[in-house]
Amino acid sequence: MKYPVNTYAKALAEASASPKADGAKIVRNFLAIVRKNGDEAHLRAILRAAEQLVARKTTARKITVESARKLMKPAHTILKDIIRANDVVEERINPELVAGLKIIINEELQFDGSLKGRLDKMLSS
């Protein structure tokens, strides 16, 4: 790897932070540099790190909600109490959870209210 993930992430976050930035052009140029350096294998880690840097600067949070099936209206109602105006919310379907929800905020703070999580906790005690 020519440059560390954090270096790439910082460059991408700063380039895209400008209000006058042309997002498509920034992405094209950034991808060209990563390819030129042969670091495409690390692209997911770079994008994840850049996303975290941007979120910290904008006070937006990335909230990932995992459930065994598509969320129904009652779950969305509960989530409205947690989600702020500029948060980025991603819903994932994870059949391994069996039932319940798993909420992850900024890939750091986690609430596991899934049946799988409860069973794992019970079995590990």
N, C-alpha and C. Protein backbone atom coordinates (compact mmCIF):
# COMPACT_ATOMS: atom_id res chain seq x y z
N MET A 1 0.85 -1.17 0.00
CA MET A 1 0.00 0.00 0.00
C MET A 1 0.90 1.23 0.00
N LYS A 2 0.66 2.10 -0.96
CA LYS A 2 1.50 3.28 -1.11
C LYS A 2 1.27 4.29 0.01
N TYR A 3 0.01 4.54 0.35
CA TYR A 3 -0.33 5.47 1.43
C TYR A 3 -1.26 4.77 2.42
N PRO A 4 -1.21 5.14 3.69
CA PRO A 4 -2.12 4.52 4.67
C PRO A 4 -3.58 4.90 4.40
N VAL A 5 -4.48 4.06 4.86
CA VAL A 5 -5.92 4.29 4.68
C VAL A 5 -6.31 5.67 5.19
N ASN A 6 -5.82 6.05 6.36
CA ASN A 6 -6.20 7.34 6.95
C ASN A 6 -5.75 8.53 6.11
N THR A 7 -4.63 8.40 5.43
CA THR A 7 -4.15 9.49 4.56
C THR A 7 -5.09 9.67 3.37
N TYR A 8 -5.44 8.56 2.74
CA TYR A 8 -6.41 8.63 1.64
C TYR A 8 -7.74 9.20 2.13
N ALA A 9 -8.21 8.71 3.27
CA ALA A 9 -9.51 9.13 3.81
C ALA A 9 -9.52 10.62 4.10
N LYS A 10 -8.45 11.12 4.69
CA LYS A 10 -8.37 12.54 5.02
C LYS A 10 -8.39 13.39 3.75
N ALA A 11 -7.66 12.94 2.72
CA ALA A 11 -7.63 13.67 1.45
C ALA A 11 -9.01 13.72 0.81
N LEU A 12 -9.70 12.59 0.80
CA LEU A 12 -11.04 12.54 0.20
C LEU A 12 -12.03 13.39 0.99
N ALA A 13 -11.97 13.30 2.31
CA ALA A 13 -12.90 14.08 3.16
C ALA A 13 -12.69 15.57 2.97
N GLU A 14 -11.45 16.00 2.93
CA GLU A 14 -11.16 17.43 2.77
C GLU A 14 -11.54 17.93 1.37
N ALA A 15 -11.29 17.11 0.35
CA ALA A 15 -11.63 17.52 -1.02
C ALA A 15 -13.14 17.64 -1.20
N SER A 16 -13.88 16.77 -0.56
CA SER A 16 -15.33 16.80 -0.74
C SER A 16 -16.03 17.77 0.21
N ALA A 17 -15.30 18.34 1.16
CA ALA A 17 -15.91 19.24 2.15
C ALA A 17 -16.23 20.62 1.59
N SER A 18 -15.57 21.01 0.54
CA SER A 18 -15.80 22.33 -0.03
C SER A 18 -17.21 22.43 -0.60
N PRO A 19 -17.93 23.51 -0.28
CA PRO A 19 -19.29 23.65 -0.80
C PRO A 19 -19.34 23.78 -2.33
N LYS A 20 -18.25 24.24 -2.93
CA LYS A 20 -18.20 24.40 -4.38
C LYS A 20 -17.64 23.17 -5.08
N ALA A 21 -17.38 22.11 -4.32
CA ALA A 21 -16.76 20.91 -4.87
C ALA A 21 -17.68 20.22 -5.87
N ASP A 22 -17.09 19.75 -6.97
CA ASP A 22 -17.80 18.96 -7.96
C ASP A 22 -17.62 17.49 -7.55
N GLY A 23 -18.63 16.93 -6.90
CA GLY A 23 -18.55 15.59 -6.33
C GLY A 23 -18.13 14.53 -7.33
N ALA A 24 -18.72 14.55 -8.52
CA ALA A 24 -18.41 13.53 -9.52
C ALA A 24 -16.94 13.61 -9.95
N LYS A 25 -16.46 14.83 -10.13
CA LYS A 25 -15.06 15.02 -10.54
C LYS A 25 -14.10 14.58 -9.43
N ILE A 26 -14.44 14.90 -8.20
CA ILE A 26 -13.60 14.49 -7.06
C ILE A 26 -13.51 12.97 -6.99
N VAL A 27 -14.64 12.30 -7.13
CA VAL A 27 -14.67 10.83 -7.07
C VAL A 27 -13.86 10.23 -8.21
N ARG A 28 -14.03 10.73 -9.42
CA ARG A 28 -13.27 10.22 -10.57
C ARG A 28 -11.77 10.37 -10.34
N ASN A 29 -11.36 11.57 -9.93
CA ASN A 29 -9.93 11.82 -9.70
C ASN A 29 -9.39 10.99 -8.55
N PHE A 30 -10.17 10.86 -7.49
CA PHE A 30 -9.73 10.08 -6.34
C PHE A 30 -9.55 8.61 -6.73
N LEU A 31 -10.53 8.06 -7.43
CA LEU A 31 -10.43 6.66 -7.87
C LEU A 31 -9.23 6.46 -8.80
N ALA A 32 -8.96 7.43 -9.66
CA ALA A 32 -7.81 7.33 -10.56
C ALA A 32 -6.50 7.26 -9.77
N ILE A 33 -6.40 8.06 -8.72
CA ILE A 33 -5.19 8.05 -7.89
C ILE A 33 -5.04 6.73 -7.15
N VAL A 34 -6.14 6.24 -6.59
CA VAL A 34 -6.09 4.97 -5.85
C VAL A 34 -5.69 3.83 -6.79
N ARG A 35 -6.26 3.81 -7.99
CA ARG A 35 -5.90 2.78 -8.99
C ARG A 35 -4.45 2.89 -9.41
N LYS A 36 -4.02 4.12 -9.66
CA LYS A 36 -2.64 4.35 -10.08
C LYS A 36 -1.65 3.82 -9.04
N ASN A 37 -2.00 3.98 -7.77
CA ASN A 37 -1.14 3.52 -6.69
C ASN A 37 -1.32 2.04 -6.36
N GLY A 38 -2.26 1.39 -7.03
CA GLY A 38 -2.49 -0.04 -6.82
C GLY A 38 -3.13 -0.37 -5.48
N ASP A 39 -3.90 0.57 -4.94
CA ASP A 39 -4.50 0.39 -3.62
C ASP A 39 -6.01 0.14 -3.67
N GLU A 40 -6.53 -0.35 -4.79
CA GLU A 40 -7.97 -0.59 -4.93
C GLU A 40 -8.51 -1.58 -3.92
N ALA A 41 -7.70 -2.52 -3.48
CA ALA A 41 -8.15 -3.54 -2.53
C ALA A 41 -8.56 -2.91 -1.19
N HIS A 42 -8.06 -1.73 -0.91
CA HIS A 42 -8.33 -1.06 0.37
C HIS A 42 -9.41 0.01 0.25
N LEU A 43 -10.09 0.06 -0.88
CA LEU A 43 -11.06 1.12 -1.14
C LEU A 43 -12.21 1.15 -0.13
N ARG A 44 -12.73 0.00 0.27
CA ARG A 44 -13.82 -0.01 1.27
C ARG A 44 -13.37 0.61 2.58
N ALA A 45 -12.19 0.25 3.04
CA ALA A 45 -11.67 0.80 4.30
C ALA A 45 -11.44 2.30 4.17
N ILE A 46 -10.97 2.74 3.02
CA ILE A 46 -10.72 4.16 2.78
C ILE A 46 -12.04 4.92 2.84
N LEU A 47 -13.06 4.42 2.14
CA LEU A 47 -14.36 5.10 2.11
C LEU A 47 -15.00 5.11 3.49
N ARG A 48 -14.89 4.03 4.23
CA ARG A 48 -15.44 3.97 5.58
C ARG A 48 -14.77 5.01 6.48
N ALA A 49 -13.44 5.11 6.39
CA ALA A 49 -12.71 6.08 7.21
C ALA A 49 -13.05 7.52 6.80
N ALA A 50 -13.18 7.78 5.50
CA ALA A 50 -13.55 9.12 5.02
C ALA A 50 -14.94 9.49 5.49
N GLU A 51 -15.86 8.53 5.45
CA GLU A 51 -17.22 8.77 5.91
C GLU A 51 -17.24 9.15 7.39
N GLN A 52 -16.43 8.48 8.19
CA GLN A 52 -16.36 8.79 9.62
C GLN A 52 -15.78 10.18 9.85
N LEU A 53 -14.77 10.56 9.08
CA LEU A 53 -14.18 11.90 9.22
C LEU A 53 -15.20 12.99 8.89
N VAL A 54 -15.93 12.80 7.80
CA VAL A 54 -16.93 13.79 7.40
C VAL A 54 -18.03 13.86 8.44
N ALA A 55 -18.46 12.72 8.96
CA ALA A 55 -19.52 12.70 9.96
C ALA A 55 -19.10 13.44 11.23
N ARG A 56 -17.85 13.28 11.63
CA ARG A 56 -17.38 13.98 12.83
C ARG A 56 -17.38 15.50 12.63
N LYS A 57 -17.02 15.93 11.43
CA LYS A 57 -16.97 17.36 11.16
C LYS A 57 -18.36 17.97 11.05
N THR A 58 -19.31 17.23 10.55
CA THR A 58 -20.65 17.77 10.34
C THR A 58 -21.61 17.45 11.48
N THR A 59 -21.15 16.75 12.46
CA THR A 59 -21.94 16.26 13.60
C THR A 59 -23.06 15.32 13.18
N ALA A 60 -23.04 14.88 11.93
CA ALA A 60 -23.99 13.87 11.49
C ALA A 60 -23.50 12.52 11.98
N ARG A 61 -24.43 11.63 12.25
CA ARG A 61 -24.05 10.29 12.67
C ARG A 61 -24.48 9.30 11.60
N LYS A 62 -23.72 8.21 11.52
CA LYS A 62 -24.13 7.12 10.64
C LYS A 62 -24.81 6.09 11.52
N ILE A 63 -26.06 5.85 11.24
CA ILE A 63 -26.84 4.89 12.02
C ILE A 63 -27.18 3.71 11.12
N THR A 64 -26.75 2.54 11.55
CA THR A 64 -27.05 1.31 10.82
C THR A 64 -28.07 0.53 11.63
N VAL A 65 -29.15 0.19 11.00
CA VAL A 65 -30.21 -0.58 11.66
C VAL A 65 -30.28 -1.94 10.96
N GLU A 66 -30.00 -2.99 11.72
CA GLU A 66 -30.07 -4.34 11.17
C GLU A 66 -31.30 -5.04 11.73
N SER A 67 -31.98 -5.78 10.87
CA SER A 67 -33.14 -6.55 11.29
C SER A 67 -33.19 -7.82 10.45
N ALA A 68 -33.94 -8.78 10.93
CA ALA A 68 -34.06 -10.06 10.21
C ALA A 68 -34.90 -9.91 8.95
N ARG A 69 -35.83 -8.98 8.99
CA ARG A 69 -36.73 -8.73 7.86
C ARG A 69 -36.89 -7.23 7.66
N LYS A 70 -37.55 -6.85 6.58
CA LYS A 70 -37.81 -5.44 6.31
C LYS A 70 -38.54 -4.81 7.49
N LEU A 71 -38.10 -3.61 7.88
CA LEU A 71 -38.71 -2.93 9.03
C LEU A 71 -40.15 -2.52 8.74
N MET A 72 -40.98 -2.70 9.73
CA MET A 72 -42.38 -2.32 9.63
C MET A 72 -42.56 -0.94 10.24
N LYS A 73 -43.73 -0.37 10.10
CA LYS A 73 -44.02 0.99 10.56
C LYS A 73 -43.74 1.22 12.06
N PRO A 74 -44.09 0.29 12.97
CA PRO A 74 -43.80 0.53 14.39
C PRO A 74 -42.30 0.73 14.67
N ALA A 75 -41.47 0.00 13.97
CA ALA A 75 -40.02 0.15 14.17
C ALA A 75 -39.55 1.52 13.70
N HIS A 76 -40.08 1.99 12.58
CA HIS A 76 -39.74 3.32 12.08
C HIS A 76 -40.16 4.41 13.07
N THR A 77 -41.29 4.21 13.72
CA THR A 77 -41.78 5.17 14.71
C THR A 77 -40.81 5.26 15.88
N ILE A 78 -40.33 4.12 16.34
CA ILE A 78 -39.36 4.09 17.45
C ILE A 78 -38.06 4.75 17.03
N LEU A 79 -37.61 4.48 15.81
CA LEU A 79 -36.34 5.04 15.33
C LEU A 79 -36.38 6.56 15.19
N LYS A 80 -37.54 7.14 14.97
CA LYS A 80 -37.65 8.60 14.83
C LYS A 80 -37.19 9.32 16.09
N ASP A 81 -37.30 8.65 17.24
CA ASP A 81 -36.85 9.25 18.50
C ASP A 81 -35.32 9.27 18.60
N ILE A 82 -34.65 8.41 17.86
CA ILE A 82 -33.20 8.28 17.92
C ILE A 82 -32.51 9.12 16.84
N ILE A 83 -33.13 9.21 15.68
CA ILE A 83 -32.51 9.82 14.50
C ILE A 83 -32.62 11.34 14.53
N ARG A 84 -31.50 12.01 14.28
CA ARG A 84 -31.47 13.47 14.16
C ARG A 84 -31.63 13.88 12.70
N ALA A 85 -31.83 15.15 12.47
CA ALA A 85 -32.12 15.66 11.12
C ALA A 85 -31.04 15.33 10.09
N ASN A 86 -29.77 15.47 10.44
CA ASN A 86 -28.72 15.27 9.43
C ASN A 86 -28.01 13.92 9.56
N ASP A 87 -28.60 12.97 10.26
CA ASP A 87 -28.03 11.63 10.36
C ASP A 87 -28.19 10.88 9.05
N VAL A 88 -27.25 9.98 8.79
CA VAL A 88 -27.33 9.10 7.63
C VAL A 88 -27.76 7.73 8.16
N VAL A 89 -28.89 7.24 7.67
CA VAL A 89 -29.44 5.98 8.16
C VAL A 89 -29.35 4.92 7.08
N GLU A 90 -28.82 3.77 7.46
CA GLU A 90 -28.72 2.63 6.54
C GLU A 90 -29.46 1.46 7.17
N GLU A 91 -30.38 0.87 6.43
CA GLU A 91 -31.11 -0.31 6.89
C GLU A 91 -30.52 -1.54 6.22
N ARG A 92 -30.21 -2.55 7.02
CA ARG A 92 -29.68 -3.80 6.49
C ARG A 92 -30.56 -4.95 6.96
N ILE A 93 -30.74 -5.90 6.07
CA ILE A 93 -31.46 -7.11 6.44
C ILE A 93 -30.42 -8.18 6.74
N ASN A 94 -30.49 -8.74 7.96
CA ASN A 94 -29.55 -9.76 8.40
C ASN A 94 -30.37 -10.93 8.96
N PRO A 95 -30.64 -11.95 8.13
CA PRO A 95 -31.49 -13.06 8.56
C PRO A 95 -30.96 -13.81 9.80
N GLU A 96 -29.67 -13.69 10.09
CA GLU A 96 -29.09 -14.36 11.26
C GLU A 96 -29.64 -13.82 12.58
N LEU A 97 -30.20 -12.62 12.57
CA LEU A 97 -30.71 -12.03 13.81
C LEU A 97 -31.99 -12.71 14.31
N VAL A 98 -32.68 -13.42 13.47
CA VAL A 98 -33.92 -14.15 13.75
C VAL A 98 -35.07 -13.18 14.04
N ALA A 99 -34.94 -12.31 15.05
CA ALA A 99 -35.98 -11.33 15.39
C ALA A 99 -35.32 -10.17 16.12
N GLY A 100 -36.02 -9.05 16.20
CA GLY A 100 -35.50 -7.88 16.92
C GLY A 100 -34.65 -6.99 16.03
N LEU A 101 -33.99 -6.03 16.69
CA LEU A 101 -33.17 -5.03 15.98
C LEU A 101 -31.78 -4.95 16.56
N LYS A 102 -30.88 -4.51 15.72
CA LYS A 102 -29.52 -4.19 16.14
C LYS A 102 -29.25 -2.79 15.59
N ILE A 103 -28.91 -1.84 16.46
CA ILE A 103 -28.67 -0.46 16.04
C ILE A 103 -27.22 -0.12 16.33
N ILE A 104 -26.52 0.34 15.31
CA ILE A 104 -25.10 0.69 15.44
C ILE A 104 -24.95 2.16 15.06
N ILE A 105 -24.35 2.95 15.96
CA ILE A 105 -24.16 4.38 15.72
C ILE A 105 -22.68 4.65 15.54
N ASN A 106 -22.32 5.22 14.38
CA ASN A 106 -20.93 5.56 14.05
C ASN A 106 -19.98 4.38 14.19
N GLU A 107 -20.49 3.19 13.97
CA GLU A 107 -19.69 1.97 14.06
C GLU A 107 -18.95 1.84 15.39
N GLU A 108 -19.44 2.53 16.42
CA GLU A 108 -18.81 2.49 17.73
C GLU A 108 -19.79 2.05 18.81
N LEU A 109 -20.93 2.70 18.88
CA LEU A 109 -21.94 2.45 19.90
C LEU A 109 -22.97 1.48 19.34
N GLN A 110 -23.27 0.43 20.10
CA GLN A 110 -24.16 -0.59 19.58
C GLN A 110 -25.22 -1.00 20.60
N PHE A 111 -26.45 -1.13 20.11
CA PHE A 111 -27.54 -1.69 20.90
C PHE A 111 -27.98 -2.95 20.18
N ASP A 112 -27.90 -4.08 20.86
CA ASP A 112 -28.30 -5.35 20.25
C ASP A 112 -29.54 -5.87 20.94
N GLY A 113 -30.68 -5.62 20.35
CA GLY A 113 -31.95 -6.11 20.88
C GLY A 113 -32.47 -7.26 20.05
N SER A 114 -31.56 -7.99 19.40
CA SER A 114 -31.98 -9.11 18.55
C SER A 114 -32.07 -10.39 19.37
N LEU A 115 -32.84 -11.32 18.88
CA LEU A 115 -32.96 -12.62 19.53
C LEU A 115 -31.62 -13.34 19.52
N LYS A 116 -30.90 -13.25 18.42
CA LYS A 116 -29.58 -13.88 18.33
C LYS A 116 -28.64 -13.31 19.39
N GLY A 117 -28.65 -11.99 19.56
CA GLY A 117 -27.80 -11.35 20.56
C GLY A 117 -28.14 -11.81 21.98
N ARG A 118 -29.42 -11.93 22.25
CA ARG A 118 -29.86 -12.38 23.58
C ARG A 118 -29.47 -13.84 23.81
N LEU A 119 -29.64 -14.68 22.79
CA LEU A 119 -29.26 -16.08 22.93
C LEU A 119 -27.75 -16.23 23.11
N ASP A 120 -26.97 -15.46 22.33
CA ASP A 120 -25.51 -15.51 22.46
C ASP A 120 -25.09 -15.08 23.86
N LYS A 121 -25.74 -14.04 24.39
CA LYS A 121 -25.41 -13.54 25.73
C LYS A 121 -25.76 -14.59 26.79
N MET A 122 -26.91 -15.23 26.62
CA MET A 122 -27.32 -16.27 27.57
C MET A 122 -26.36 -17.46 27.56
N LEU A 123 -25.95 -17.87 26.37
CA LEU A 123 -25.08 -19.05 26.24
C LEU A 123 -23.66 -18.77 26.71
N SER A 124 -23.22 -17.51 26.64
CA SER A 124 -21.86 -17.18 27.06
C SER A 124 -21.75 -16.99 28.57
N SER A 125 -22.88 -16.86 29.27
CA SER A 125 -22.86 -16.66 30.72
C SER A 125 -22.59 -17.93 31.47
